[in-house]
C-alpha atoms as a PDB file:
ATOM      1  CA  MET A   1    -203.645-137.626  63.083  1.00  0.00           C
ATOM      2  CA  LYS A   2    -206.853-137.278  65.080  1.00  0.00           C
ATOM      3  CA  PRO A   3    -210.100-137.185  63.096  1.00  0.00           C
ATOM      4  CA  LEU A   4    -211.866-133.880  62.712  1.00  0.00           C
ATOM      5  CA  ARG A   5    -214.860-133.459  65.037  1.00  0.00           C
ATOM      6  CA  TRP A   6    -217.381-131.658  62.837  1.00  0.00           C
ATOM      7  CA  ASN A   7    -219.966-131.478  65.605  1.00  0.00           C
ATOM      8  CA  PHE A   8    -217.562-129.804  68.092  1.00  0.00           C
ATOM      9  CA  THR A   9    -218.437-126.082  68.145  1.00  0.00           C
ATOM     10  CA  LEU A  10    -217.244-122.901  69.842  1.00  0.00           C
ATOM     11  CA  PRO A  11    -220.141-123.128  72.344  1.00  0.00           C
ATOM     12  CA  ASP A  12    -218.963-126.688  73.158  1.00  0.00           C
ATOM     13  CA  LEU A  13    -215.429-125.422  73.745  1.00  0.00           C
ATOM     14  CA  GLN A  14    -216.749-122.523  75.820  1.00  0.00           C
ATOM     15  CA  ALA A  15    -218.712-124.914  78.047  1.00  0.00           C
ATOM     16  CA  LYS A  16    -215.668-127.171  78.500  1.00  0.00           C
ATOM     17  CA  LEU A  17    -213.441-124.241  79.476  1.00  0.00           C
ATOM     18  CA  ASP A  18    -216.023-122.709  81.800  1.00  0.00           C
ATOM     19  CA  HIS A  19    -216.357-125.974  83.732  1.00  0.00           C
ATOM     20  CA  LEU A  20    -212.617-126.647  84.159  1.00  0.00           C
ATOM     21  CA  ALA A  21    -211.297-126.603  87.720  1.00  0.00           C
ATOM     22  CA  GLU A  22    -208.299-124.376  88.483  1.00  0.00           C
ATOM     23  CA  GLY A  23    -205.167-125.845  86.914  1.00  0.00           C
ATOM     24  CA  ALA A  24    -207.146-128.410  84.877  1.00  0.00           C
ATOM     25  CA  LEU A  25    -206.346-129.059  81.226  1.00  0.00           C
ATOM     26  CA  PHE A  26    -208.426-129.530  78.076  1.00  0.00           C
ATOM     27  CA  GLN A  27    -206.901-130.482  74.721  1.00  0.00           C
ATOM     28  CA  ILE A  28    -208.224-130.142  71.192  1.00  0.00           C
ATOM     29  CA  SER A  29    -206.577-131.323  68.003  1.00  0.00           C
ATOM     30  CA  ALA A  30    -204.812-128.857  65.744  1.00  0.00           C
ATOM     31  CA  ARG A  31    -207.366-129.733  63.042  1.00  0.00           C
ATOM     32  CA  ASP A  32    -210.292-128.800  65.304  1.00  0.00           C
ATOM     33  CA  TYR A  33    -208.471-125.636  66.343  1.00  0.00           C
ATOM     34  CA  GLU A  34    -207.942-124.624  62.727  1.00  0.00           C
ATOM     35  CA  ARG A  35    -211.593-125.302  61.902  1.00  0.00           C
ATOM     36  CA  LEU A  36    -212.802-123.217  64.877  1.00  0.00           C
ATOM     37  CA  PHE A  37    -210.325-120.309  64.737  1.00  0.00           C
ATOM     38  CA  GLY A  38    -208.652-120.402  61.310  1.00  0.00           C
ATOM     39  CA  SER A  39    -205.093-121.282  60.439  1.00  0.00           C
ATOM     40  CA  ASN A  40    -203.480-117.874  61.026  1.00  0.00           C
ATOM     41  CA  ASP A  41    -205.369-116.474  64.003  1.00  0.00           C
ATOM     42  CA  VAL A  42    -203.554-117.437  67.198  1.00  0.00           C
ATOM     43  CA  ALA A  43    -204.640-114.145  68.792  1.00  0.00           C
ATOM     44  CA  ALA A  44    -208.336-115.017  68.442  1.00  0.00           C
ATOM     45  CA  ALA A  45    -207.865-118.295  70.300  1.00  0.00           C
ATOM     46  CA  ARG A  46    -205.749-116.662  72.999  1.00  0.00           C
ATOM     47  CA  ASN A  47    -208.364-113.965  73.517  1.00  0.00           C
ATOM     48  CA  PHE A  48    -211.102-116.611  73.584  1.00  0.00           C
ATOM     49  CA  ALA A  49    -209.138-118.619  76.170  1.00  0.00           C
ATOM     50  CA  LYS A  50    -208.378-115.510  78.228  1.00  0.00           C
ATOM     51  CA  GLY A  51    -212.082-114.709  78.339  1.00  0.00           C
ATOM     52  CA  HIS A  52    -212.568-118.078  80.064  1.00  0.00           C
ATOM     53  CA  ALA A  53    -209.619-117.621  82.492  1.00  0.00           C
ATOM     54  CA  CYS A  54    -207.416-120.026  80.511  1.00  0.00           C
ATOM     55  CA  ILE A  55    -204.092-119.915  78.744  1.00  0.00           C
ATOM     56  CA  THR A  56    -203.140-121.851  75.606  1.00  0.00           C
ATOM     57  CA  SER A  57    -200.122-123.917  74.639  1.00  0.00           C
ATOM     58  CA  HIS A  58    -199.665-124.744  70.971  1.00  0.00           C
ATOM     59  CA  SER A  59    -197.879-127.680  69.340  1.00  0.00           C
ATOM     60  CA  ASP A  60    -197.983-129.144  65.841  1.00  0.00           C
ATOM     61  CA  GLY A  61    -200.737-131.646  66.653  1.00  0.00           C
ATOM     62  CA  ALA A  62    -202.746-130.146  69.506  1.00  0.00           C
ATOM     63  CA  ILE A  63    -203.685-127.068  71.474  1.00  0.00           C
ATOM     64  CA  LEU A  64    -203.869-127.312  75.238  1.00  0.00           C
ATOM     65  CA  PHE A  65    -206.058-125.018  77.328  1.00  0.00           C
ATOM     66  CA  ARG A  66    -205.227-124.676  81.046  1.00  0.00           C
ATOM     67  CA  LYS A  67    -207.441-122.944  83.587  1.00  0.00           C
ATOM     68  CA  LYS A  68    -205.435-120.306  85.439  1.00  0.00           C
ATOM     69  CA  LEU A  69    -204.767-120.721  89.110  1.00  0.00           C
ATOM     70  CA  GLU A  70    -206.055-117.943  91.313  1.00  0.00           C
ATOM     71  CA  LEU A  71    -203.686-117.227  94.181  1.00  0.00           C
ATOM     72  CA  SER A  72    -204.908-115.525  97.300  1.00  0.00           C
ATOM     73  CA  ARG A  73    -203.154-112.194  97.631  1.00  0.00           C
ATOM     74  CA  ASP A  74    -203.704-112.252 101.403  1.00  0.00           C
ATOM     75  CA  ASN A  75    -200.834-114.670 101.985  1.00  0.00           C
ATOM     76  CA  VAL A  76    -198.479-113.602  99.201  1.00  0.00           C
ATOM     77  CA  PRO A  77    -195.975-110.897 100.176  1.00  0.00           C
ATOM     78  CA  ALA A  78    -194.879-108.308  97.659  1.00  0.00           C
ATOM     79  CA  PRO A  79    -191.544-109.042  95.960  1.00  0.00           C
ATOM     80  CA  GLY A  80    -188.668-108.244  98.293  1.00  0.00           C
ATOM     81  CA  VAL A  81    -190.921-107.994 101.373  1.00  0.00           C
ATOM     82  CA  GLN A  82    -190.579-110.534 104.155  1.00  0.00           C
ATOM     83  CA  ASN A  83    -193.602-111.936 105.971  1.00  0.00           C
ATOM     84  CA  GLU A  84    -194.240-110.384 109.380  1.00  0.00           C
ATOM     85  CA  GLN A  85    -193.819-112.803 112.241  1.00  0.00           C
ATOM     86  CA  THR A  86    -196.921-113.609 114.232  1.00  0.00           C
ATOM     87  CA  GLU A  87    -197.185-114.209 117.959  1.00  0.00           C
ATOM     88  CA  ASP A  88    -196.948-117.965 117.371  1.00  0.00           C
ATOM     89  CA  SER A  89    -193.791-117.659 115.251  1.00  0.00           C
ATOM     90  CA  PRO A  90    -190.371-118.180 116.873  1.00  0.00           C
END
């Protein structure tokens, strides 16, 4: 089991999440998670992560934060709609 990091605070976690690149991951131990958010408050951590454009994945020993990928809507067709062919397309 990883040791508890007493000097790791919510502002530290906030800074780590804010500086993640799209798709990047940051992991904290379940013990640190419980100290920061409590043992029964998964919603608080999810809301905290969402506020920093991240999602969380929980396991018995660790919580993983992943920065969401932002897709450009300019090149993504709506479901069931085919891309229009351009002049250069065959």
